[in-house]
Amino acid sequence: MTRKKPRMLFRGLRAMIWHDCDPNRQFLELYLQRLGLRVSCCGVGGKLCERGEFDLLFFDSDQDLPIGELDLDVPMIALVGSEAPSRLQWVLGHNAASLIFKPVRSAGIYGSIVFAMNQYEERLSIAAQQERLNSKIRYRKLVIFAVLKTMREQGCDEEQAFSGLRRQAMERRITIEMLCADVLAKNLPAGHLRDTWPLAHDRP
């Protein structure tokens, strides 16, 4: 698989800084704005916006913020003031993608965003690839079931059954997986079909 070119520009990205107002937050906010990010801030005692309101989260790792209670699926960058093992373990336990050490300075901010965003996008890409592979496996099972059914009903061999199904799919201008779903839907219970491929009436 060809590796995707790393993302290096972040203009327009929506960033949330979950940190009380102090020189660290103020410096980070200004720096992110210079990079072209749209920045919002929230004190550690405040409640974050609903999911989907930001693309990147910076959070104060020196506070026991309830990150685990939130339904967040965004790259997160920890603002680290203490390198105590317990604090670093807490950061790791909340899946921070990168770190920025306090006092916040310009060095390291851009690099932390590059690593966080690209790690996140790589994870999404791997998850999508895994889903495609799982789908292929489900499709293959579906075709096998339909071929076996056709063999039993028509008394033909495997090659003849598959060729017949493929020909019907071409005539109807649908994929062979869709045709097999229709073939199997006549006899299989809905629950069984959902484990392999959506029923014809579930498809858009």
C-alpha atoms as a PDB file:
ATOM      1  CA  MET A   1       0.000   0.000   0.000  1.00  0.00           C
ATOM      2  CA  THR A   2       1.382   3.401  -0.988  1.00  0.00           C
ATOM      3  CA  ARG A   3       1.904   5.557   2.072  1.00  0.00           C
ATOM      4  CA  LYS A   4      -0.064   8.772   2.036  1.00  0.00           C
ATOM      5  CA  LYS A   5       1.949  11.990   1.990  1.00  0.00           C
ATOM      6  CA  PRO A   6       2.007  13.475   5.514  1.00  0.00           C
ATOM      7  CA  ARG A   7      -0.297  16.397   6.145  1.00  0.00           C
ATOM      8  CA  MET A   8       1.680  19.556   6.958  1.00  0.00           C
ATOM      9  CA  LEU A   9      -0.871  22.373   6.599  1.00  0.00           C
ATOM     10  CA  PHE A  10      -3.715  22.922   9.051  1.00  0.00           C
ATOM     11  CA  ARG A  11      -5.360  26.195   8.084  1.00  0.00           C
ATOM     12  CA  GLY A  12      -9.044  26.208   8.979  1.00  0.00           C
ATOM     13  CA  LEU A  13      -8.705  23.408  11.531  1.00  0.00           C
ATOM     14  CA  ARG A  14     -10.894  23.947  14.606  1.00  0.00           C
ATOM     15  CA  ALA A  15      -8.859  23.713  17.812  1.00  0.00           C
ATOM     16  CA  MET A  16     -10.102  23.626  21.405  1.00  0.00           C
ATOM     17  CA  ILE A  17      -7.805  24.522  24.315  1.00  0.00           C
ATOM     18  CA  TRP A  18      -9.095  22.994  27.560  1.00  0.00           C
ATOM     19  CA  HIS A  19      -6.966  24.955  30.008  1.00  0.00           C
ATOM     20  CA  ASP A  20      -7.468  27.817  32.434  1.00  0.00           C
ATOM     21  CA  CYS A  21      -6.550  31.253  31.147  1.00  0.00           C
ATOM     22  CA  ASP A  22      -2.874  31.881  31.884  1.00  0.00           C
ATOM     23  CA  PRO A  23       0.253  32.811  29.847  1.00  0.00           C
ATOM     24  CA  ASN A  24       0.500  29.231  28.523  1.00  0.00           C
ATOM     25  CA  ARG A  25      -2.999  29.268  27.092  1.00  0.00           C
ATOM     26  CA  GLN A  26      -2.687  32.806  25.779  1.00  0.00           C
ATOM     27  CA  PHE A  27       0.586  32.034  23.979  1.00  0.00           C
ATOM     28  CA  LEU A  28      -0.776  28.812  22.488  1.00  0.00           C
ATOM     29  CA  GLU A  29      -3.963  30.509  21.325  1.00  0.00           C
ATOM     30  CA  LEU A  30      -2.070  33.264  19.511  1.00  0.00           C
ATOM     31  CA  TYR A  31       0.370  30.810  17.949  1.00  0.00           C
ATOM     32  CA  LEU A  32      -2.416  28.556  16.658  1.00  0.00           C
ATOM     33  CA  GLN A  33      -4.212  31.549  15.179  1.00  0.00           C
ATOM     34  CA  ARG A  34      -1.034  32.492  13.323  1.00  0.00           C
ATOM     35  CA  LEU A  35      -0.995  28.974  11.857  1.00  0.00           C
ATOM     36  CA  GLY A  36      -4.506  29.609  10.535  1.00  0.00           C
ATOM     37  CA  LEU A  37      -6.427  27.492  13.050  1.00  0.00           C
ATOM     38  CA  ARG A  38      -9.793  28.583  14.433  1.00  0.00           C
ATOM     39  CA  VAL A  39      -9.336  28.513  18.199  1.00  0.00           C
ATOM     40  CA  SER A  40     -11.806  28.173  21.065  1.00  0.00           C
ATOM     41  CA  CYS A  41     -10.931  27.995  24.752  1.00  0.00           C
ATOM     42  CA  CYS A  42     -12.529  26.445  27.837  1.00  0.00           C
ATOM     43  CA  GLY A  43     -11.420  26.596  31.471  1.00  0.00           C
ATOM     44  CA  VAL A  44     -10.736  23.322  33.255  1.00  0.00           C
ATOM     45  CA  GLY A  45     -13.914  23.781  35.273  1.00  0.00           C
ATOM     46  CA  GLY A  46     -16.018  24.331  32.169  1.00  0.00           C
ATOM     47  CA  LYS A  47     -17.853  21.882  29.982  1.00  0.00           C
ATOM     48  CA  LEU A  48     -16.543  21.240  26.493  1.00  0.00           C
ATOM     49  CA  CYS A  49     -18.682  21.882  23.447  1.00  0.00           C
ATOM     50  CA  GLU A  50     -20.606  18.970  22.042  1.00  0.00           C
ATOM     51  CA  ARG A  51     -18.765  16.425  19.922  1.00  0.00           C
ATOM     52  CA  GLY A  52     -18.080  17.663  16.424  1.00  0.00           C
ATOM     53  CA  GLU A  53     -17.431  21.281  17.450  1.00  0.00           C
ATOM     54  CA  PHE A  54     -13.655  20.930  17.139  1.00  0.00           C
ATOM     55  CA  ASP A  55     -11.077  18.883  15.219  1.00  0.00           C
ATOM     56  CA  LEU A  56      -8.160  19.002  17.669  1.00  0.00           C
ATOM     57  CA  LEU A  57      -8.034  19.178  21.465  1.00  0.00           C
ATOM     58  CA  PHE A  58      -5.264  20.646  23.617  1.00  0.00           C
ATOM     59  CA  PHE A  59      -5.777  19.818  27.295  1.00  0.00           C
ATOM     60  CA  ASP A  60      -4.115  20.574  30.623  1.00  0.00           C
ATOM     61  CA  SER A  61      -2.570  17.299  31.748  1.00  0.00           C
ATOM     62  CA  ASP A  62      -1.885  18.703  35.228  1.00  0.00           C
ATOM     63  CA  GLN A  63      -5.620  18.589  35.955  1.00  0.00           C
ATOM     64  CA  ASP A  64      -7.733  15.480  36.306  1.00  0.00           C
ATOM     65  CA  LEU A  65     -10.015  16.421  33.445  1.00  0.00           C
ATOM     66  CA  PRO A  66     -12.880  13.983  32.734  1.00  0.00           C
ATOM     67  CA  ILE A  67     -11.646  13.132  29.254  1.00  0.00           C
ATOM     68  CA  GLY A  68     -12.600   9.481  29.622  1.00  0.00           C
ATOM     69  CA  GLU A  69     -16.230  10.448  30.230  1.00  0.00           C
ATOM     70  CA  LEU A  70     -16.482  12.303  26.927  1.00  0.00           C
ATOM     71  CA  ASP A  71     -17.365  10.764  23.581  1.00  0.00           C
ATOM     72  CA  LEU A  72     -14.355  12.210  21.772  1.00  0.00           C
ATOM     73  CA  ASP A  73     -12.808  10.946  18.571  1.00  0.00           C
ATOM     74  CA  VAL A  74     -10.314  13.706  17.823  1.00  0.00           C
ATOM     75  CA  PRO A  75      -6.529  13.915  18.087  1.00  0.00           C
ATOM     76  CA  MET A  76      -5.504  15.189  21.532  1.00  0.00           C
ATOM     77  CA  ILE A  77      -2.367  17.022  22.605  1.00  0.00           C
ATOM     78  CA  ALA A  78      -1.431  17.221  26.283  1.00  0.00           C
ATOM     79  CA  LEU A  79      -0.029  20.404  27.794  1.00  0.00           C
ATOM     80  CA  VAL A  80       2.457  18.951  30.273  1.00  0.00           C
ATOM     81  CA  GLY A  81       3.750  20.820  33.308  1.00  0.00           C
ATOM     82  CA  SER A  82       4.735  17.851  35.448  1.00  0.00           C
ATOM     83  CA  GLU A  83       6.807  14.916  34.231  1.00  0.00           C
ATOM     84  CA  ALA A  84       5.979  12.849  37.283  1.00  0.00           C
ATOM     85  CA  PRO A  85       5.453   9.203  36.251  1.00  0.00           C
ATOM     86  CA  SER A  86       1.893   9.235  37.558  1.00  0.00           C
ATOM     87  CA  ARG A  87       1.036  12.278  35.419  1.00  0.00           C
ATOM     88  CA  LEU A  88       2.640  10.833  32.293  1.00  0.00           C
ATOM     89  CA  GLN A  89       0.834   7.547  32.898  1.00  0.00           C
ATOM     90  CA  TRP A  90      -2.442   9.483  33.131  1.00  0.00           C
ATOM     91  CA  VAL A  91      -1.684  11.198  29.814  1.00  0.00           C
ATOM     92  CA  LEU A  92      -0.888   7.884  28.123  1.00  0.00           C
ATOM     93  CA  GLY A  93      -4.039   6.363  29.573  1.00  0.00           C
ATOM     94  CA  HIS A  94      -6.111   9.045  27.839  1.00  0.00           C
ATOM     95  CA  ASN A  95      -4.527   8.422  24.427  1.00  0.00           C
ATOM     96  CA  ALA A  96      -2.804  11.753  23.914  1.00  0.00           C
ATOM     97  CA  ALA A  97      -1.236  11.751  20.462  1.00  0.00           C
ATOM     98  CA  SER A  98       1.458  14.298  21.303  1.00  0.00           C
ATOM     99  CA  LEU A  99       2.822  16.577  24.042  1.00  0.00           C
ATOM    100  CA  ILE A 100       3.643  20.252  24.521  1.00  0.00           C
ATOM    101  CA  PHE A 101       5.705  21.098  27.578  1.00  0.00           C
ATOM    102  CA  LYS A 102       5.038  24.092  29.779  1.00  0.00           C
ATOM    103  CA  PRO A 103       5.947  26.882  29.807  1.00  0.00           C
ATOM    104  CA  VAL A 104       4.576  26.888  26.277  1.00  0.00           C
ATOM    105  CA  ARG A 105       6.946  28.288  23.671  1.00  0.00           C
ATOM    106  CA  SER A 106       6.816  28.326  19.888  1.00  0.00           C
ATOM    107  CA  ALA A 107       9.301  25.443  19.594  1.00  0.00           C
ATOM    108  CA  GLY A 108       7.430  22.166  19.501  1.00  0.00           C
ATOM    109  CA  ILE A 109       3.877  23.374  18.886  1.00  0.00           C
ATOM    110  CA  TYR A 110       3.824  22.909  15.123  1.00  0.00           C
ATOM    111  CA  GLY A 111       5.608  19.563  15.371  1.00  0.00           C
ATOM    112  CA  SER A 112       3.135  18.304  17.961  1.00  0.00           C
ATOM    113  CA  ILE A 113       0.231  19.157  15.640  1.00  0.00           C
ATOM    114  CA  VAL A 114       1.915  17.413  12.706  1.00  0.00           C
ATOM    115  CA  PHE A 115       2.400  14.226  14.715  1.00  0.00           C
ATOM    116  CA  ALA A 116      -1.052  14.310  16.311  1.00  0.00           C
ATOM    117  CA  MET A 117      -2.996  14.935  13.102  1.00  0.00           C
ATOM    118  CA  ASN A 118      -1.052  12.480  10.980  1.00  0.00           C
ATOM    119  CA  GLN A 119      -1.231   9.756  13.619  1.00  0.00           C
ATOM    120  CA  TYR A 120      -4.988  10.282  13.848  1.00  0.00           C
ATOM    121  CA  GLU A 121      -5.509  10.226  10.088  1.00  0.00           C
ATOM    122  CA  GLU A 122      -3.324   7.131   9.786  1.00  0.00           C
ATOM    123  CA  ARG A 123      -5.460   5.397  12.412  1.00  0.00           C
ATOM    124  CA  LEU A 124      -8.614   6.284  10.500  1.00  0.00           C
ATOM    125  CA  SER A 125      -7.048   5.001   7.285  1.00  0.00           C
ATOM    126  CA  ILE A 126      -6.083   1.689   8.911  1.00  0.00           C
ATOM    127  CA  ALA A 127      -9.570   1.315  10.389  1.00  0.00           C
ATOM    128  CA  ALA A 128     -11.138   1.965   6.971  1.00  0.00           C
ATOM    129  CA  GLN A 129      -8.826  -0.553   5.337  1.00  0.00           C
ATOM    130  CA  GLN A 130      -9.695  -3.143   7.985  1.00  0.00           C
ATOM    131  CA  GLU A 131     -13.399  -2.562   7.384  1.00  0.00           C
ATOM    132  CA  ARG A 132     -12.892  -3.067   3.637  1.00  0.00           C
ATOM    133  CA  LEU A 133     -11.108  -6.348   4.324  1.00  0.00           C
ATOM    134  CA  ASN A 134     -13.860  -7.473   6.676  1.00  0.00           C
ATOM    135  CA  SER A 135     -16.433  -6.563   4.044  1.00  0.00           C
ATOM    136  CA  LYS A 136     -14.623  -8.661   1.444  1.00  0.00           C
ATOM    137  CA  ILE A 137     -14.726 -11.610   3.821  1.00  0.00           C
ATOM    138  CA  ARG A 138     -18.468 -11.140   4.368  1.00  0.00           C
ATOM    139  CA  TYR A 139     -19.020 -10.818   0.611  1.00  0.00           C
ATOM    140  CA  ARG A 140     -17.061 -14.015  -0.026  1.00  0.00           C
ATOM    141  CA  LYS A 141     -19.145 -15.954   2.494  1.00  0.00           C
ATOM    142  CA  LEU A 142     -22.289 -14.619   0.886  1.00  0.00           C
ATOM    143  CA  VAL A 143     -21.261 -15.814  -2.573  1.00  0.00           C
ATOM    144  CA  ILE A 144     -20.251 -19.229  -1.219  1.00  0.00           C
ATOM    145  CA  PHE A 145     -23.655 -19.684   0.436  1.00  0.00           C
ATOM    146  CA  ALA A 146     -25.467 -18.722  -2.765  1.00  0.00           C
ATOM    147  CA  VAL A 147     -23.302 -21.028  -4.872  1.00  0.00           C
ATOM    148  CA  LEU A 148     -24.000 -23.959  -2.536  1.00  0.00           C
ATOM    149  CA  LYS A 149     -27.712 -23.227  -2.598  1.00  0.00           C
ATOM    150  CA  THR A 150     -27.694 -23.087  -6.402  1.00  0.00           C
ATOM    151  CA  MET A 151     -25.763 -26.358  -6.606  1.00  0.00           C
ATOM    152  CA  ARG A 152     -28.306 -28.117  -4.389  1.00  0.00           C
ATOM    153  CA  GLU A 153     -31.343 -26.752  -6.210  1.00  0.00           C
ATOM    154  CA  GLN A 154     -30.094 -27.178  -9.772  1.00  0.00           C
ATOM    155  CA  GLY A 155     -27.849 -30.224  -9.394  1.00  0.00           C
ATOM    156  CA  CYS A 156     -24.870 -28.466 -10.995  1.00  0.00           C
ATOM    157  CA  ASP A 157     -21.237 -28.191 -10.021  1.00  0.00           C
ATOM    158  CA  GLU A 158     -19.558 -25.213  -8.371  1.00  0.00           C
ATOM    159  CA  GLU A 159     -18.265 -23.643 -11.578  1.00  0.00           C
ATOM    160  CA  GLN A 160     -21.651 -23.846 -13.280  1.00  0.00           C
ATOM    161  CA  ALA A 161     -23.421 -22.380 -10.246  1.00  0.00           C
ATOM    162  CA  PHE A 162     -21.026 -19.443  -9.994  1.00  0.00           C
ATOM    163  CA  SER A 163     -21.152 -18.771 -13.741  1.00  0.00           C
ATOM    164  CA  GLY A 164     -24.943 -18.782 -13.638  1.00  0.00           C
ATOM    165  CA  LEU A 165     -25.042 -16.331 -10.731  1.00  0.00           C
ATOM    166  CA  ARG A 166     -22.521 -14.063 -12.398  1.00  0.00           C
ATOM    167  CA  ARG A 167     -24.486 -14.087 -15.643  1.00  0.00           C
ATOM    168  CA  GLN A 168     -27.692 -13.159 -13.823  1.00  0.00           C
ATOM    169  CA  ALA A 169     -25.913 -10.340 -12.004  1.00  0.00           C
ATOM    170  CA  MET A 170     -24.626  -8.951 -15.324  1.00  0.00           C
ATOM    171  CA  GLU A 171     -28.067  -9.175 -16.881  1.00  0.00           C
ATOM    172  CA  ARG A 172     -29.615  -7.290 -13.967  1.00  0.00           C
ATOM    173  CA  ARG A 173     -26.661  -4.850 -13.850  1.00  0.00           C
ATOM    174  CA  ILE A 174     -25.996  -5.403 -10.176  1.00  0.00           C
ATOM    175  CA  THR A 175     -23.013  -6.849  -8.321  1.00  0.00           C
ATOM    176  CA  ILE A 176     -22.860 -10.566  -7.758  1.00  0.00           C
ATOM    177  CA  GLU A 177     -22.997  -9.895  -4.006  1.00  0.00           C
ATOM    178  CA  MET A 178     -26.339  -8.089  -4.421  1.00  0.00           C
ATOM    179  CA  LEU A 179     -27.686 -10.924  -6.500  1.00  0.00           C
ATOM    180  CA  CYS A 180     -26.554 -13.494  -3.953  1.00  0.00           C
ATOM    181  CA  ALA A 181     -28.289 -11.497  -1.205  1.00  0.00           C
ATOM    182  CA  ASP A 182     -31.517 -11.686  -3.195  1.00  0.00           C
ATOM    183  CA  VAL A 183     -31.054 -15.407  -3.825  1.00  0.00           C
ATOM    184  CA  LEU A 184     -30.413 -16.137  -0.168  1.00  0.00           C
ATOM    185  CA  ALA A 185     -33.137 -13.815   1.108  1.00  0.00           C
ATOM    186  CA  LYS A 186     -35.758 -16.215  -0.179  1.00  0.00           C
ATOM    187  CA  ASN A 187     -34.870 -18.862   2.419  1.00  0.00           C
ATOM    188  CA  LEU A 188     -32.505 -17.482   5.058  1.00  0.00           C
ATOM    189  CA  PRO A 189     -33.695 -15.617   8.166  1.00  0.00           C
ATOM    190  CA  ALA A 190     -32.934 -11.904   8.293  1.00  0.00           C
ATOM    191  CA  GLY A 191     -30.530 -12.262  11.222  1.00  0.00           C
ATOM    192  CA  HIS A 192     -28.345 -14.679   9.249  1.00  0.00           C
ATOM    193  CA  LEU A 193     -28.235 -12.394   6.260  1.00  0.00           C
ATOM    194  CA  ARG A 194     -27.218  -9.377   8.330  1.00  0.00           C
ATOM    195  CA  ASP A 195     -24.111 -11.292   9.357  1.00  0.00           C
ATOM    196  CA  THR A 196     -23.052 -11.481   5.743  1.00  0.00           C
ATOM    197  CA  TRP A 197     -24.600  -8.706   3.667  1.00  0.00           C
ATOM    198  CA  PRO A 198     -27.560  -6.323   4.064  1.00  0.00           C
ATOM    199  CA  LEU A 199     -30.879  -7.498   2.673  1.00  0.00           C
ATOM    200  CA  ALA A 200     -32.093  -6.081  -0.590  1.00  0.00           C
ATOM    201  CA  HIS A 201     -34.592  -3.816   1.197  1.00  0.00           C
ATOM    202  CA  ASP A 202     -31.828  -2.488   3.493  1.00  0.00           C
ATOM    203  CA  ARG A 203     -29.715  -1.265   0.620  1.00  0.00           C
ATOM    204  CA  PRO A 204     -29.975   2.404  -0.418  1.00  0.00           C
END
